[in-house]
Amino acid sequence: MGIHDLRPEQITCGAKILYYADSCEKFAEYELDYILFAKVGEIAQYKVNIDEVKNNEWVGLRDIDDFLNERLTRHGEGITPWFKLLKDKKLRDWWLEIEKRNTFPN
């Protein structure tokens, strides 16, 4: 992932998601995605693989809805169905548990 400032023990795998979506008649996305969490005092330095990542940004819990709405209205960029499901059902609870107890919920 290109993140060098975090030790493996600082990272928690919150979920693994097997994702499939038709792209067109010839191509489809079929991938296993990992949702990783790390609680840090400051943003870690990282370098993304430009062949795999279109864009990235650090966003806080209080800002995520506004951030996603702005991406959609300004740039016409929605979120993947799997991330929408995660955001609507789990993300807030996971995030608050990490802030409160400093551990990932079971």
C-alpha atoms as a PDB file:
ATOM      1  CA  MET A   1       0.000   0.000   0.000  1.00  0.00           C
ATOM      2  CA  GLY A   2       2.949   2.311   0.226  1.00  0.00           C
ATOM      3  CA  ILE A   3       2.372   3.291   3.877  1.00  0.00           C
ATOM      4  CA  HIS A   4       5.729   3.294   5.606  1.00  0.00           C
ATOM      5  CA  ASP A   5       5.060   5.153   8.876  1.00  0.00           C
ATOM      6  CA  LEU A   6       2.801   2.504  10.448  1.00  0.00           C
ATOM      7  CA  ARG A   7       3.823  -0.714  12.131  1.00  0.00           C
ATOM      8  CA  PRO A   8       1.701  -3.784  11.291  1.00  0.00           C
ATOM      9  CA  GLU A   9       0.409  -3.965  14.882  1.00  0.00           C
ATOM     10  CA  GLN A  10      -1.108  -0.468  14.458  1.00  0.00           C
ATOM     11  CA  ILE A  11      -3.306  -1.643  11.572  1.00  0.00           C
ATOM     12  CA  THR A  12      -6.576  -3.530  11.998  1.00  0.00           C
ATOM     13  CA  CYS A  13      -8.379  -5.277   9.163  1.00  0.00           C
ATOM     14  CA  GLY A  14     -12.015  -4.307   9.653  1.00  0.00           C
ATOM     15  CA  ALA A  15     -13.423  -6.236   6.724  1.00  0.00           C
ATOM     16  CA  LYS A  16     -12.635  -8.123   3.565  1.00  0.00           C
ATOM     17  CA  ILE A  17     -15.077  -7.532   0.738  1.00  0.00           C
ATOM     18  CA  LEU A  18     -15.343  -9.621  -2.413  1.00  0.00           C
ATOM     19  CA  TYR A  19     -16.584  -7.192  -5.037  1.00  0.00           C
ATOM     20  CA  TYR A  20     -17.922  -7.804  -8.544  1.00  0.00           C
ATOM     21  CA  ALA A  21     -19.323  -5.231 -10.969  1.00  0.00           C
ATOM     22  CA  ASP A  22     -19.775  -5.271 -14.731  1.00  0.00           C
ATOM     23  CA  SER A  23     -17.870  -2.442 -16.363  1.00  0.00           C
ATOM     24  CA  CYS A  24     -18.989  -3.008 -19.952  1.00  0.00           C
ATOM     25  CA  GLU A  25     -19.671  -5.942 -22.257  1.00  0.00           C
ATOM     26  CA  LYS A  26     -15.986  -6.922 -22.295  1.00  0.00           C
ATOM     27  CA  PHE A  27     -14.727  -6.092 -18.814  1.00  0.00           C
ATOM     28  CA  ALA A  28     -15.762  -6.407 -15.191  1.00  0.00           C
ATOM     29  CA  GLU A  29     -14.241  -5.695 -11.810  1.00  0.00           C
ATOM     30  CA  TYR A  30     -13.788  -8.718  -9.605  1.00  0.00           C
ATOM     31  CA  GLU A  31     -11.611  -8.058  -6.620  1.00  0.00           C
ATOM     32  CA  LEU A  32     -11.032  -8.646  -2.953  1.00  0.00           C
ATOM     33  CA  ASP A  33     -10.844  -5.359  -1.049  1.00  0.00           C
ATOM     34  CA  TYR A  34      -9.631  -4.875   2.501  1.00  0.00           C
ATOM     35  CA  ILE A  35     -10.935  -2.160   4.829  1.00  0.00           C
ATOM     36  CA  LEU A  36      -8.033  -1.196   7.076  1.00  0.00           C
ATOM     37  CA  PHE A  37      -8.110   1.021  10.148  1.00  0.00           C
ATOM     38  CA  ALA A  38      -5.279   2.707  12.017  1.00  0.00           C
ATOM     39  CA  LYS A  39      -5.554   5.253  14.795  1.00  0.00           C
ATOM     40  CA  VAL A  40      -2.614   7.648  14.628  1.00  0.00           C
ATOM     41  CA  GLY A  41      -1.697  11.013  16.078  1.00  0.00           C
ATOM     42  CA  GLU A  42      -0.891  12.452  12.671  1.00  0.00           C
ATOM     43  CA  ILE A  43      -1.379  11.383   9.088  1.00  0.00           C
ATOM     44  CA  ALA A  44       1.105   8.746   8.004  1.00  0.00           C
ATOM     45  CA  GLN A  45       3.285   9.372   4.968  1.00  0.00           C
ATOM     46  CA  TYR A  46       2.371   7.173   2.046  1.00  0.00           C
ATOM     47  CA  LYS A  47       2.794   6.727  -1.681  1.00  0.00           C
ATOM     48  CA  VAL A  48       0.019   5.105  -3.702  1.00  0.00           C
ATOM     49  CA  ASN A  49       0.348   2.932  -6.779  1.00  0.00           C
ATOM     50  CA  ILE A  50      -1.051   5.162  -9.533  1.00  0.00           C
ATOM     51  CA  ASP A  51      -2.009   2.076 -11.552  1.00  0.00           C
ATOM     52  CA  GLU A  52      -4.380   1.035  -8.744  1.00  0.00           C
ATOM     53  CA  VAL A  53      -5.551   4.264  -7.097  1.00  0.00           C
ATOM     54  CA  LYS A  54      -7.302   7.101  -8.901  1.00  0.00           C
ATOM     55  CA  ASN A  55      -7.421   9.456  -5.932  1.00  0.00           C
ATOM     56  CA  ASN A  56      -7.096   9.395  -2.156  1.00  0.00           C
ATOM     57  CA  GLU A  57      -7.836  11.701   0.726  1.00  0.00           C
ATOM     58  CA  TRP A  58      -7.871  11.561   4.532  1.00  0.00           C
ATOM     59  CA  VAL A  59     -11.375  12.398   5.810  1.00  0.00           C
ATOM     60  CA  GLY A  60     -12.666  12.530   9.386  1.00  0.00           C
ATOM     61  CA  LEU A  61     -15.908  10.925  10.541  1.00  0.00           C
ATOM     62  CA  ARG A  62     -17.710  14.261  10.920  1.00  0.00           C
ATOM     63  CA  ASP A  63     -16.719  15.265   7.384  1.00  0.00           C
ATOM     64  CA  ILE A  64     -17.356  12.088   5.416  1.00  0.00           C
ATOM     65  CA  ASP A  65     -20.950  12.795   4.334  1.00  0.00           C
ATOM     66  CA  ASP A  66     -20.114  16.331   3.181  1.00  0.00           C
ATOM     67  CA  PHE A  67     -16.991  15.045   1.435  1.00  0.00           C
ATOM     68  CA  LEU A  68     -18.919  12.354  -0.471  1.00  0.00           C
ATOM     69  CA  ASN A  69     -21.740  14.765  -1.369  1.00  0.00           C
ATOM     70  CA  GLU A  70     -19.229  17.292  -2.704  1.00  0.00           C
ATOM     71  CA  ARG A  71     -17.455  14.629  -4.793  1.00  0.00           C
ATOM     72  CA  LEU A  72     -20.792  13.698  -6.324  1.00  0.00           C
ATOM     73  CA  THR A  73     -22.138  17.212  -6.994  1.00  0.00           C
ATOM     74  CA  ARG A  74     -18.851  18.808  -8.101  1.00  0.00           C
ATOM     75  CA  HIS A  75     -17.162  15.961  -9.894  1.00  0.00           C
ATOM     76  CA  GLY A  76     -19.942  13.465 -10.625  1.00  0.00           C
ATOM     77  CA  GLU A  77     -18.065  10.805  -8.646  1.00  0.00           C
ATOM     78  CA  GLY A  78     -20.211   8.402  -6.665  1.00  0.00           C
ATOM     79  CA  ILE A  79     -18.994   5.680  -4.365  1.00  0.00           C
ATOM     80  CA  THR A  80     -18.946   1.979  -5.046  1.00  0.00           C
ATOM     81  CA  PRO A  81     -21.966  -0.036  -3.885  1.00  0.00           C
ATOM     82  CA  TRP A  82     -19.845  -1.962  -1.380  1.00  0.00           C
ATOM     83  CA  PHE A  83     -18.497   1.226   0.208  1.00  0.00           C
ATOM     84  CA  LYS A  84     -21.985   2.737   0.407  1.00  0.00           C
ATOM     85  CA  LEU A  85     -23.223  -0.359   2.220  1.00  0.00           C
ATOM     86  CA  LEU A  86     -20.248  -0.250   4.578  1.00  0.00           C
ATOM     87  CA  LYS A  87     -20.695   3.474   5.233  1.00  0.00           C
ATOM     88  CA  ASP A  88     -24.421   3.169   5.858  1.00  0.00           C
ATOM     89  CA  LYS A  89     -24.267   0.048   8.068  1.00  0.00           C
ATOM     90  CA  LYS A  90     -20.909  -0.254   9.853  1.00  0.00           C
ATOM     91  CA  LEU A  91     -18.425   2.575   9.412  1.00  0.00           C
ATOM     92  CA  ARG A  92     -19.764   4.977  12.047  1.00  0.00           C
ATOM     93  CA  ASP A  93     -20.032   2.278  14.722  1.00  0.00           C
ATOM     94  CA  TRP A  94     -16.539   0.977  13.967  1.00  0.00           C
ATOM     95  CA  TRP A  95     -15.070   4.461  13.989  1.00  0.00           C
ATOM     96  CA  LEU A  96     -16.690   5.450  17.293  1.00  0.00           C
ATOM     97  CA  GLU A  97     -15.595   2.195  18.938  1.00  0.00           C
ATOM     98  CA  ILE A  98     -12.008   2.791  17.875  1.00  0.00           C
ATOM     99  CA  GLU A  99     -12.126   6.359  19.239  1.00  0.00           C
ATOM    100  CA  LYS A 100     -13.766   5.294  22.507  1.00  0.00           C
ATOM    101  CA  ARG A 101     -11.881   2.098  23.374  1.00  0.00           C
ATOM    102  CA  ASN A 102      -8.822   2.309  21.132  1.00  0.00           C
ATOM    103  CA  THR A 103      -9.668  -1.170  19.807  1.00  0.00           C
ATOM    104  CA  PHE A 104     -11.535  -2.491  16.808  1.00  0.00           C
ATOM    105  CA  PRO A 105     -14.997  -3.935  17.627  1.00  0.00           C
ATOM    106  CA  ASN A 106     -15.505  -7.707  17.409  1.00  0.00           C
END
